[in-house]
Amino acid sequence: MPLYEYRCTACGHHFDHWFPTFQAAETEPTPPCPACGASEARRLFSRVAVHSGSGDAPKDEGETAPAEEKPKVFGRKELNEIMEQRRSLGID
């Protein structure tokens, strides 16, 4: 259900308009300005919010989100091993 942001070209008023479907947003006429009633509003580019719905957030109050794994920390020893492997493969 898209929510679009508009700016009236007649009075400069910014407003939002909710459409029930994306198809409705494309086929319905531009909504009139709620401040002055003019039909000369232009749709603006605005920020978007995306919800993945993948279950990353806790579902119940008692549940916790999965812990993020920390990236592996490389020390001098690990770095030297990687560099030696690269040299043996001919990668500089």
C-alpha atoms as a PDB file:
ATOM      1  CA  MET A   1       0.000   0.000   0.000  1.00  0.00           C
ATOM      2  CA  PRO A   2       1.964   2.977  -1.263  1.00  0.00           C
ATOM      3  CA  LEU A   3       2.146   6.329   0.460  1.00  0.00           C
ATOM      4  CA  TYR A   4       3.364   9.087  -1.835  1.00  0.00           C
ATOM      5  CA  GLU A   5       4.558  12.570  -0.959  1.00  0.00           C
ATOM      6  CA  TYR A   6       3.355  15.535  -3.025  1.00  0.00           C
ATOM      7  CA  ARG A   7       4.049  19.269  -3.295  1.00  0.00           C
ATOM      8  CA  CYS A   8       1.379  21.601  -4.597  1.00  0.00           C
ATOM      9  CA  THR A   9       2.721  23.770  -7.413  1.00  0.00           C
ATOM     10  CA  ALA A  10       0.064  26.420  -6.724  1.00  0.00           C
ATOM     11  CA  CYS A  11       0.682  27.050  -2.997  1.00  0.00           C
ATOM     12  CA  GLY A  12       3.787  24.976  -2.171  1.00  0.00           C
ATOM     13  CA  HIS A  13       2.055  22.838   0.467  1.00  0.00           C
ATOM     14  CA  HIS A  14       3.640  19.402   1.115  1.00  0.00           C
ATOM     15  CA  PHE A  15       1.270  16.511   1.766  1.00  0.00           C
ATOM     16  CA  ASP A  16       1.060  12.735   1.704  1.00  0.00           C
ATOM     17  CA  HIS A  17      -1.508  10.611  -0.091  1.00  0.00           C
ATOM     18  CA  TRP A  18      -2.151   6.923   0.574  1.00  0.00           C
ATOM     19  CA  PHE A  19      -3.252   4.632  -2.252  1.00  0.00           C
ATOM     20  CA  PRO A  20      -4.810   1.210  -1.587  1.00  0.00           C
ATOM     21  CA  THR A  21      -2.689  -0.499  -4.308  1.00  0.00           C
ATOM     22  CA  PHE A  22       0.249   0.286  -6.582  1.00  0.00           C
ATOM     23  CA  GLN A  23      -2.084  -0.021  -9.567  1.00  0.00           C
ATOM     24  CA  ALA A  24      -4.350   2.632  -8.051  1.00  0.00           C
ATOM     25  CA  ALA A  25      -1.338   4.916  -7.595  1.00  0.00           C
ATOM     26  CA  GLU A  26      -0.593   4.641 -11.305  1.00  0.00           C
ATOM     27  CA  THR A  27      -4.150   4.909 -12.638  1.00  0.00           C
ATOM     28  CA  GLU A  28      -5.884   7.379 -10.300  1.00  0.00           C
ATOM     29  CA  PRO A  29      -5.515  11.097 -10.992  1.00  0.00           C
ATOM     30  CA  THR A  30      -3.178  13.266  -8.929  1.00  0.00           C
ATOM     31  CA  PRO A  31      -4.845  14.045  -5.606  1.00  0.00           C
ATOM     32  CA  PRO A  32      -5.903  17.648  -4.999  1.00  0.00           C
ATOM     33  CA  CYS A  33      -3.981  19.788  -2.530  1.00  0.00           C
ATOM     34  CA  PRO A  34      -5.678  19.637   0.894  1.00  0.00           C
ATOM     35  CA  ALA A  35      -4.607  23.239   1.626  1.00  0.00           C
ATOM     36  CA  CYS A  36      -5.851  25.081  -1.468  1.00  0.00           C
ATOM     37  CA  GLY A  37      -7.747  22.436  -3.475  1.00  0.00           C
ATOM     38  CA  ALA A  38      -5.612  22.852  -6.600  1.00  0.00           C
ATOM     39  CA  SER A  39      -5.051  19.768  -8.734  1.00  0.00           C
ATOM     40  CA  GLU A  40      -1.536  20.832  -9.696  1.00  0.00           C
ATOM     41  CA  ALA A  41       0.418  18.717  -7.195  1.00  0.00           C
ATOM     42  CA  ARG A  42       3.636  16.969  -8.199  1.00  0.00           C
ATOM     43  CA  ARG A  43       4.823  13.692  -6.725  1.00  0.00           C
ATOM     44  CA  LEU A  44       8.181  13.984  -4.967  1.00  0.00           C
ATOM     45  CA  PHE A  45      11.030  11.549  -4.553  1.00  0.00           C
ATOM     46  CA  SER A  46      11.085  10.664  -0.907  1.00  0.00           C
ATOM     47  CA  ARG A  47      12.751   8.245   1.463  1.00  0.00           C
ATOM     48  CA  VAL A  48      11.419   4.754   1.667  1.00  0.00           C
ATOM     49  CA  ALA A  49      11.047   2.296   4.508  1.00  0.00           C
ATOM     50  CA  VAL A  50      11.474  -1.369   3.778  1.00  0.00           C
ATOM     51  CA  HIS A  51      10.418  -4.202   6.030  1.00  0.00           C
ATOM     52  CA  SER A  52      11.886  -7.530   5.019  1.00  0.00           C
ATOM     53  CA  GLY A  53       9.425  -9.662   6.918  1.00  0.00           C
ATOM     54  CA  SER A  54      12.112 -12.321   7.171  1.00  0.00           C
ATOM     55  CA  GLY A  55      11.611 -12.889  10.874  1.00  0.00           C
ATOM     56  CA  ASP A  56      14.730 -11.012  11.950  1.00  0.00           C
ATOM     57  CA  ALA A  57      12.843  -9.105  14.611  1.00  0.00           C
ATOM     58  CA  PRO A  58      11.651 -10.766  17.820  1.00  0.00           C
ATOM     59  CA  LYS A  59       8.162 -12.222  17.416  1.00  0.00           C
ATOM     60  CA  ASP A  60       7.072 -12.152  21.038  1.00  0.00           C
ATOM     61  CA  GLU A  61       8.026  -9.936  23.907  1.00  0.00           C
ATOM     62  CA  GLY A  62       9.958 -12.797  25.549  1.00  0.00           C
ATOM     63  CA  GLU A  63      11.935 -13.759  22.433  1.00  0.00           C
ATOM     64  CA  THR A  64      15.242 -12.205  21.560  1.00  0.00           C
ATOM     65  CA  ALA A  65      16.698 -11.468  18.155  1.00  0.00           C
ATOM     66  CA  PRO A  66      19.437 -13.825  16.967  1.00  0.00           C
ATOM     67  CA  ALA A  67      22.892 -12.710  18.041  1.00  0.00           C
ATOM     68  CA  GLU A  68      25.047 -11.312  15.283  1.00  0.00           C
ATOM     69  CA  GLU A  69      28.309 -13.078  14.658  1.00  0.00           C
ATOM     70  CA  LYS A  70      31.360 -10.925  15.140  1.00  0.00           C
ATOM     71  CA  PRO A  71      33.714 -10.744  12.183  1.00  0.00           C
ATOM     72  CA  LYS A  72      36.861 -12.816  12.484  1.00  0.00           C
ATOM     73  CA  VAL A  73      39.786 -10.795  13.759  1.00  0.00           C
ATOM     74  CA  PHE A  74      43.070 -11.336  11.950  1.00  0.00           C
ATOM     75  CA  GLY A  75      46.350 -10.976  13.747  1.00  0.00           C
ATOM     76  CA  ARG A  76      49.840 -10.961  12.316  1.00  0.00           C
ATOM     77  CA  LYS A  77      50.007 -14.785  12.363  1.00  0.00           C
ATOM     78  CA  GLU A  78      46.795 -15.207  10.321  1.00  0.00           C
ATOM     79  CA  LEU A  79      47.830 -12.456   7.926  1.00  0.00           C
ATOM     80  CA  ASN A  80      51.228 -14.080   7.346  1.00  0.00           C
ATOM     81  CA  GLU A  81      49.523 -17.441   6.641  1.00  0.00           C
ATOM     82  CA  ILE A  82      47.231 -15.850   4.084  1.00  0.00           C
ATOM     83  CA  MET A  83      50.119 -14.017   2.430  1.00  0.00           C
ATOM     84  CA  GLU A  84      52.147 -17.272   2.271  1.00  0.00           C
ATOM     85  CA  GLN A  85      49.195 -19.054   0.633  1.00  0.00           C
ATOM     86  CA  ARG A  86      48.928 -16.259  -1.941  1.00  0.00           C
ATOM     87  CA  ARG A  87      52.655 -16.418  -2.682  1.00  0.00           C
ATOM     88  CA  SER A  88      52.490 -20.192  -3.179  1.00  0.00           C
ATOM     89  CA  LEU A  89      49.641 -19.681  -5.684  1.00  0.00           C
ATOM     90  CA  GLY A  90      51.559 -16.968  -7.494  1.00  0.00           C
ATOM     91  CA  ILE A  91      49.200 -14.206  -6.406  1.00  0.00           C
ATOM     92  CA  ASP A  92      50.984 -11.014  -5.378  1.00  0.00           C
END
